[in-house]
Every structure is written in C-alpha cells, then in structure tokens.
Amino acid sequence: MSPFNRLDARLTASFYRHRTGLSLADRVCLALARSVASPAYTADRLWENWAAQLGVQVVVIRRGTPVDQ
C-alpha cells in the first residue's frame, strides 16, 4: 500500500494518451508502480504496449488466448 499524492496524480495525468484503452485506474496503478520503482503486475496485456513509453516495468501474470466472442 502506498499513499497517492499530488505528484502521483500529476504523473497519472501525464500518462493520458487519446484512445489507448488505459482507464484512469490503469494509469493510477502504472504511475504508482513507477513512483515506487516496482513492477506493475496485471492480467491486462494491453499494459505491455505502453510500458516502455511510460517507463514502467509490467509483468503480465496470465497468458493465454483471448476468449472468442
């Protein structure tokens, strides 16, 4: 658990990219991971697409094929 402060909010806002598919909650998690210099663990493979650009190490905990709809 880590407090979310004004600097974290600014970092979260800087992670906004039009039509990325990253929600506000996604960006908060990524920003906090970067702030504490820790990997961000997720089941959302979309995060990998933005990890390098945002300067965050992302670890996807679940691999597999997407469910056909």
PDB file of N, CA and C in Angstrom:
ATOM      1  N   MET A   1       0.847  -1.160   0.000  1.00  0.00           N
ATOM      2  CA  MET A   1       0.000   0.000   0.000  1.00  0.00           C
ATOM      3  C   MET A   1       0.892   1.223   0.000  1.00  0.00           C
ATOM      4  N   SER A   2       0.524   2.180  -0.815  1.00  0.00           N
ATOM      5  CA  SER A   2       1.304   3.406  -0.926  1.00  0.00           C
ATOM      6  C   SER A   2       0.348   4.588  -0.998  1.00  0.00           C
ATOM      7  N   PRO A   3       0.658   5.675  -0.322  1.00  0.00           N
ATOM      8  CA  PRO A   3      -0.224   6.851  -0.421  1.00  0.00           C
ATOM      9  C   PRO A   3      -0.175   7.434  -1.833  1.00  0.00           C
ATOM     10  N   PHE A   4      -1.268   8.000  -2.240  1.00  0.00           N
ATOM     11  CA  PHE A   4      -1.382   8.628  -3.563  1.00  0.00           C
ATOM     12  C   PHE A   4      -1.382  10.130  -3.343  1.00  0.00           C
ATOM     13  N   ASN A   5      -0.303  10.793  -3.780  1.00  0.00           N
ATOM     14  CA  ASN A   5      -0.172  12.212  -3.502  1.00  0.00           C
ATOM     15  C   ASN A   5      -0.289  13.049  -4.786  1.00  0.00           C
ATOM     16  N   ARG A   6      -0.065  14.319  -4.642  1.00  0.00           N
ATOM     17  CA  ARG A   6      -0.201  15.248  -5.774  1.00  0.00           C
ATOM     18  C   ARG A   6       0.755  14.899  -6.915  1.00  0.00           C
ATOM     19  N   LEU A   7       1.989  14.520  -6.597  1.00  0.00           N
ATOM     20  CA  LEU A   7       2.942  14.152  -7.640  1.00  0.00           C
ATOM     21  C   LEU A   7       2.489  12.900  -8.393  1.00  0.00           C
ATOM     22  N   ASP A   8       1.912  11.944  -7.655  1.00  0.00           N
ATOM     23  CA  ASP A   8       1.375  10.743  -8.302  1.00  0.00           C
ATOM     24  C   ASP A   8       0.215  11.108  -9.229  1.00  0.00           C
ATOM     25  N   ALA A   9      -0.617  12.051  -8.791  1.00  0.00           N
ATOM     26  CA  ALA A   9      -1.742  12.495  -9.623  1.00  0.00           C
ATOM     27  C   ALA A   9      -1.239  13.153 -10.904  1.00  0.00           C
ATOM     28  N   ARG A  10      -0.194  13.960 -10.787  1.00  0.00           N
ATOM     29  CA  ARG A  10       0.379  14.600 -11.983  1.00  0.00           C
ATOM     30  C   ARG A  10       0.981  13.560 -12.928  1.00  0.00           C
ATOM     31  N   LEU A  11       1.672  12.569 -12.362  1.00  0.00           N
ATOM     32  CA  LEU A  11       2.246  11.509 -13.188  1.00  0.00           C
ATOM     33  C   LEU A  11       1.135  10.726 -13.875  1.00  0.00           C
ATOM     34  N   THR A  12       0.079  10.420 -13.143  1.00  0.00           N
ATOM     35  CA  THR A  12      -1.069   9.721 -13.720  1.00  0.00           C
ATOM     36  C   THR A  12      -1.642  10.518 -14.885  1.00  0.00           C
ATOM     37  N   ALA A  13      -1.811  11.808 -14.709  1.00  0.00           N
ATOM     38  CA  ALA A  13      -2.342  12.656 -15.774  1.00  0.00           C
ATOM     39  C   ALA A  13      -1.410  12.671 -16.979  1.00  0.00           C
ATOM     40  N   SER A  14      -0.107  12.635 -16.733  1.00  0.00           N
ATOM     41  CA  SER A  14       0.843  12.653 -17.853  1.00  0.00           C
ATOM     42  C   SER A  14       0.809  11.358 -18.654  1.00  0.00           C
ATOM     43  N   PHE A  15       0.256  10.292 -18.070  1.00  0.00           N
ATOM     44  CA  PHE A  15       0.140   9.016 -18.765  1.00  0.00           C
ATOM     45  C   PHE A  15      -1.065   8.968 -19.703  1.00  0.00           C
ATOM     46  N   TYR A  16      -1.876  10.019 -19.722  1.00  0.00           N
ATOM     47  CA  TYR A  16      -3.051  10.028 -20.599  1.00  0.00           C
ATOM     48  C   TYR A  16      -2.609  10.064 -22.058  1.00  0.00           C
ATOM     49  N   ARG A  17      -3.170   9.162 -22.843  1.00  0.00           N
ATOM     50  CA  ARG A  17      -2.980   9.150 -24.286  1.00  0.00           C
ATOM     51  C   ARG A  17      -4.343   8.892 -24.890  1.00  0.00           C
ATOM     52  N   HIS A  18      -4.711   9.656 -25.902  1.00  0.00           N
ATOM     53  CA  HIS A  18      -6.018   9.512 -26.544  1.00  0.00           C
ATOM     54  C   HIS A  18      -6.154   8.117 -27.148  1.00  0.00           C
ATOM     55  N   ARG A  19      -7.251   7.451 -26.832  1.00  0.00           N
ATOM     56  CA  ARG A  19      -7.604   6.137 -27.378  1.00  0.00           C
ATOM     57  C   ARG A  19      -6.575   5.037 -27.120  1.00  0.00           C
ATOM     58  N   THR A  20      -6.022   5.009 -25.943  1.00  0.00           N
ATOM     59  CA  THR A  20      -5.071   3.944 -25.600  1.00  0.00           C
ATOM     60  C   THR A  20      -5.758   2.712 -25.050  1.00  0.00           C
ATOM     61  N   GLY A  21      -6.936   2.905 -24.488  1.00  0.00           N
ATOM     62  CA  GLY A  21      -7.600   1.808 -23.808  1.00  0.00           C
ATOM     63  C   GLY A  21      -7.227   1.731 -22.335  1.00  0.00           C
ATOM     64  N   LEU A  22      -6.349   2.630 -21.880  1.00  0.00           N
ATOM     65  CA  LEU A  22      -5.970   2.648 -20.460  1.00  0.00           C
ATOM     66  C   LEU A  22      -6.974   3.497 -19.686  1.00  0.00           C
ATOM     67  N   SER A  23      -7.574   2.893 -18.675  1.00  0.00           N
ATOM     68  CA  SER A  23      -8.513   3.628 -17.835  1.00  0.00           C
ATOM     69  C   SER A  23      -7.756   4.491 -16.841  1.00  0.00           C
ATOM     70  N   LEU A  24      -8.477   5.326 -16.130  1.00  0.00           N
ATOM     71  CA  LEU A  24      -7.862   6.120 -15.068  1.00  0.00           C
ATOM     72  C   LEU A  24      -7.243   5.193 -14.025  1.00  0.00           C
ATOM     73  N   ALA A  25      -7.946   4.137 -13.663  1.00  0.00           N
ATOM     74  CA  ALA A  25      -7.423   3.184 -12.674  1.00  0.00           C
ATOM     75  C   ALA A  25      -6.151   2.509 -13.182  1.00  0.00           C
ATOM     76  N   ASP A  26      -6.112   2.157 -14.463  1.00  0.00           N
ATOM     77  CA  ASP A  26      -4.899   1.578 -15.048  1.00  0.00           C
ATOM     78  C   ASP A  26      -3.727   2.544 -14.914  1.00  0.00           C
ATOM     79  N   ARG A  27      -3.973   3.802 -15.260  1.00  0.00           N
ATOM     80  CA  ARG A  27      -2.915   4.812 -15.213  1.00  0.00           C
ATOM     81  C   ARG A  27      -2.458   5.085 -13.782  1.00  0.00           C
ATOM     82  N   VAL A  28      -3.377   5.023 -12.819  1.00  0.00           N
ATOM     83  CA  VAL A  28      -3.005   5.183 -11.408  1.00  0.00           C
ATOM     84  C   VAL A  28      -2.079   4.041 -10.983  1.00  0.00           C
ATOM     85  N   CYS A  29      -2.417   2.822 -11.322  1.00  0.00           N
ATOM     86  CA  CYS A  29      -1.583   1.672 -10.962  1.00  0.00           C
ATOM     87  C   CYS A  29      -0.196   1.785 -11.588  1.00  0.00           C
ATOM     88  N   LEU A  30      -0.148   2.162 -12.854  1.00  0.00           N
ATOM     89  CA  LEU A  30       1.135   2.306 -13.545  1.00  0.00           C
ATOM     90  C   LEU A  30       1.965   3.433 -12.936  1.00  0.00           C
ATOM     91  N   ALA A  31       1.318   4.533 -12.611  1.00  0.00           N
ATOM     92  CA  ALA A  31       2.030   5.662 -12.015  1.00  0.00           C
ATOM     93  C   ALA A  31       2.587   5.304 -10.638  1.00  0.00           C
ATOM     94  N   LEU A  32       1.802   4.608  -9.833  1.00  0.00           N
ATOM     95  CA  LEU A  32       2.293   4.212  -8.508  1.00  0.00           C
ATOM     96  C   LEU A  32       3.454   3.228  -8.616  1.00  0.00           C
ATOM     97  N   ALA A  33       3.372   2.306  -9.563  1.00  0.00           N
ATOM     98  CA  ALA A  33       4.477   1.365  -9.766  1.00  0.00           C
ATOM     99  C   ALA A  33       5.749   2.119 -10.131  1.00  0.00           C
ATOM    100  N   ARG A  34       5.610   3.088 -11.004  1.00  0.00           N
ATOM    101  CA  ARG A  34       6.789   3.881 -11.386  1.00  0.00           C
ATOM    102  C   ARG A  34       7.308   4.702 -10.207  1.00  0.00           C
ATOM    103  N   SER A  35       6.413   5.272  -9.424  1.00  0.00           N
ATOM    104  CA  SER A  35       6.813   6.099  -8.277  1.00  0.00           C
ATOM    105  C   SER A  35       7.609   5.319  -7.236  1.00  0.00           C
ATOM    106  N   VAL A  36       7.232   4.076  -7.014  1.00  0.00           N
ATOM    107  CA  VAL A  36       7.921   3.270  -6.004  1.00  0.00           C
ATOM    108  C   VAL A  36       8.973   2.353  -6.623  1.00  0.00           C
ATOM    109  N   ALA A  37       9.243   2.538  -7.925  1.00  0.00           N
ATOM    110  CA  ALA A  37      10.258   1.755  -8.645  1.00  0.00           C
ATOM    111  C   ALA A  37      10.034   0.255  -8.480  1.00  0.00           C
ATOM    112  N   SER A  38       8.796  -0.141  -8.747  1.00  0.00           N
ATOM    113  CA  SER A  38       8.405  -1.539  -8.623  1.00  0.00           C
ATOM    114  C   SER A  38       7.686  -1.959  -9.900  1.00  0.00           C
ATOM    115  N   PRO A  39       7.741  -3.243 -10.268  1.00  0.00           N
ATOM    116  CA  PRO A  39       6.981  -3.674 -11.428  1.00  0.00           C
ATOM    117  C   PRO A  39       5.478  -3.571 -11.163  1.00  0.00           C
ATOM    118  N   ALA A  40       4.727  -3.369 -12.219  1.00  0.00           N
ATOM    119  CA  ALA A  40       3.263  -3.383 -12.132  1.00  0.00           C
ATOM    120  C   ALA A  40       2.795  -4.764 -12.586  1.00  0.00           C
ATOM    121  N   TYR A  41       2.118  -5.487 -11.723  1.00  0.00           N
ATOM    122  CA  TYR A  41       1.602  -6.817 -12.044  1.00  0.00           C
ATOM    123  C   TYR A  41       0.155  -6.686 -12.482  1.00  0.00           C
ATOM    124  N   THR A  42      -0.180  -7.338 -13.591  1.00  0.00           N
ATOM    125  CA  THR A  42      -1.518  -7.224 -14.145  1.00  0.00           C
ATOM    126  C   THR A  42      -1.859  -8.456 -14.976  1.00  0.00           C
ATOM    127  N   ALA A  43      -3.141  -8.637 -15.219  1.00  0.00           N
ATOM    128  CA  ALA A  43      -3.599  -9.652 -16.154  1.00  0.00           C
ATOM    129  C   ALA A  43      -3.974  -9.009 -17.493  1.00  0.00           C
ATOM    130  N   ASP A  44      -3.831  -7.710 -17.579  1.00  0.00           N
ATOM    131  CA  ASP A  44      -4.205  -6.951 -18.772  1.00  0.00           C
ATOM    132  C   ASP A  44      -2.997  -6.790 -19.690  1.00  0.00           C
ATOM    133  N   ARG A  45      -2.989  -7.522 -20.787  1.00  0.00           N
ATOM    134  CA  ARG A  45      -1.847  -7.489 -21.705  1.00  0.00           C
ATOM    135  C   ARG A  45      -1.680  -6.150 -22.403  1.00  0.00           C
ATOM    136  N   LEU A  46      -2.726  -5.333 -22.425  1.00  0.00           N
ATOM    137  CA  LEU A  46      -2.651  -4.009 -23.040  1.00  0.00           C
ATOM    138  C   LEU A  46      -1.554  -3.157 -22.396  1.00  0.00           C
ATOM    139  N   TRP A  47      -1.339  -3.326 -21.111  1.00  0.00           N
ATOM    140  CA  TRP A  47      -0.339  -2.529 -20.392  1.00  0.00           C
ATOM    141  C   TRP A  47       1.050  -2.691 -20.993  1.00  0.00           C
ATOM    142  N   GLU A  48       1.353  -3.890 -21.521  1.00  0.00           N
ATOM    143  CA  GLU A  48       2.672  -4.131 -22.111  1.00  0.00           C
ATOM    144  C   GLU A  48       2.954  -3.177 -23.273  1.00  0.00           C
ATOM    145  N   ASN A  49       1.904  -2.816 -24.009  1.00  0.00           N
ATOM    146  CA  ASN A  49       2.067  -1.927 -25.165  1.00  0.00           C
ATOM    147  C   ASN A  49       2.588  -0.555 -24.764  1.00  0.00           C
ATOM    148  N   TRP A  50       2.333  -0.136 -23.542  1.00  0.00           N
ATOM    149  CA  TRP A  50       2.671   1.215 -23.084  1.00  0.00           C
ATOM    150  C   TRP A  50       3.809   1.241 -22.071  1.00  0.00           C
ATOM    151  N   ALA A  51       4.253   0.089 -21.619  1.00  0.00           N
ATOM    152  CA  ALA A  51       5.244   0.027 -20.542  1.00  0.00           C
ATOM    153  C   ALA A  51       6.511   0.811 -20.854  1.00  0.00           C
ATOM    154  N   ALA A  52       7.100   0.580 -21.992  1.00  0.00           N
ATOM    155  CA  ALA A  52       8.364   1.245 -22.327  1.00  0.00           C
ATOM    156  C   ALA A  52       8.177   2.751 -22.448  1.00  0.00           C
ATOM    157  N   GLN A  53       7.114   3.161 -23.117  1.00  0.00           N
ATOM    158  CA  GLN A  53       6.876   4.595 -23.307  1.00  0.00           C
ATOM    159  C   GLN A  53       6.630   5.306 -21.981  1.00  0.00           C
ATOM    160  N   LEU A  54       5.995   4.624 -21.035  1.00  0.00           N
ATOM    161  CA  LEU A  54       5.683   5.228 -19.745  1.00  0.00           C
ATOM    162  C   LEU A  54       6.777   5.011 -18.706  1.00  0.00           C
ATOM    163  N   GLY A  55       7.781   4.218 -19.045  1.00  0.00           N
ATOM    164  CA  GLY A  55       8.885   3.986 -18.122  1.00  0.00           C
ATOM    165  C   GLY A  55       8.527   3.103 -16.954  1.00  0.00           C
ATOM    166  N   VAL A  56       7.663   2.120 -17.201  1.00  0.00           N
ATOM    167  CA  VAL A  56       7.191   1.227 -16.142  1.00  0.00           C
ATOM    168  C   VAL A  56       7.459  -0.214 -16.560  1.00  0.00           C
ATOM    169  N   GLN A  57       7.967  -1.022 -15.643  1.00  0.00           N
ATOM    170  CA  GLN A  57       8.111  -2.446 -15.911  1.00  0.00           C
ATOM    171  C   GLN A  57       6.766  -3.111 -15.641  1.00  0.00           C
ATOM    172  N   VAL A  58       6.255  -3.835 -16.623  1.00  0.00           N
ATOM    173  CA  VAL A  58       4.961  -4.511 -16.490  1.00  0.00           C
ATOM    174  C   VAL A  58       5.180  -6.012 -16.550  1.00  0.00           C
ATOM    175  N   VAL A  59       4.566  -6.723 -15.611  1.00  0.00           N
ATOM    176  CA  VAL A  59       4.610  -8.179 -15.584  1.00  0.00           C
ATOM    177  C   VAL A  59       3.179  -8.676 -15.746  1.00  0.00           C
ATOM    178  N   VAL A  60       2.939  -9.404 -16.842  1.00  0.00           N
ATOM    179  CA  VAL A  60       1.600  -9.972 -17.083  1.00  0.00           C
ATOM    180  C   VAL A  60       1.555 -11.329 -16.411  1.00  0.00           C
ATOM    181  N   ILE A  61       0.594 -11.492 -15.513  1.00  0.00           N
ATOM    182  CA  ILE A  61       0.541 -12.710 -14.695  1.00  0.00           C
ATOM    183  C   ILE A  61      -0.240 -13.843 -15.338  1.00  0.00           C
ATOM    184  N   ARG A  62      -0.957 -13.536 -16.404  1.00  0.00           N
ATOM    185  CA  ARG A  62      -1.767 -14.563 -17.050  1.00  0.00           C
ATOM    186  C   ARG A  62      -1.579 -14.455 -18.551  1.00  0.00           C
ATOM    187  N   ARG A  63      -1.193 -15.528 -19.157  1.00  0.00           N
ATOM    188  CA  ARG A  63      -1.045 -15.590 -20.612  1.00  0.00           C
ATOM    189  C   ARG A  63      -2.106 -16.533 -21.142  1.00  0.00           C
ATOM    190  N   GLY A  64      -2.386 -16.434 -22.381  1.00  0.00           N
ATOM    191  CA  GLY A  64      -3.346 -17.337 -22.991  1.00  0.00           C
ATOM    192  C   GLY A  64      -4.013 -16.655 -24.158  1.00  0.00           C
ATOM    193  N   THR A  65      -4.908 -17.381 -24.767  1.00  0.00           N
ATOM    194  CA  THR A  65      -5.605 -16.829 -25.915  1.00  0.00           C
ATOM    195  C   THR A  65      -6.844 -16.089 -25.445  1.00  0.00           C
ATOM    196  N   PRO A  66      -7.184 -15.014 -26.125  1.00  0.00           N
ATOM    197  CA  PRO A  66      -8.414 -14.306 -25.747  1.00  0.00           C
ATOM    198  C   PRO A  66      -9.640 -15.177 -26.020  1.00  0.00           C
ATOM    199  N   VAL A  67     -10.672 -14.946 -25.257  1.00  0.00           N
ATOM    200  CA  VAL A  67     -11.926 -15.682 -25.422  1.00  0.00           C
ATOM    201  C   VAL A  67     -12.638 -15.145 -26.666  1.00  0.00           C
ATOM    202  N   ASP A  68     -13.031 -16.053 -27.538  1.00  0.00           N
ATOM    203  CA  ASP A  68     -13.789 -15.650 -28.738  1.00  0.00           C
ATOM    204  C   ASP A  68     -15.168 -15.203 -28.335  1.00  0.00           C
ATOM    205  N   GLN A  69     -15.606 -14.118 -28.942  1.00  0.00           N
ATOM    206  CA  GLN A  69     -16.938 -13.604 -28.609  1.00  0.00           C
ATOM    207  C   GLN A  69     -17.846 -13.682 -29.784  1.00  0.00           C
TER     208      GLN A  69
END
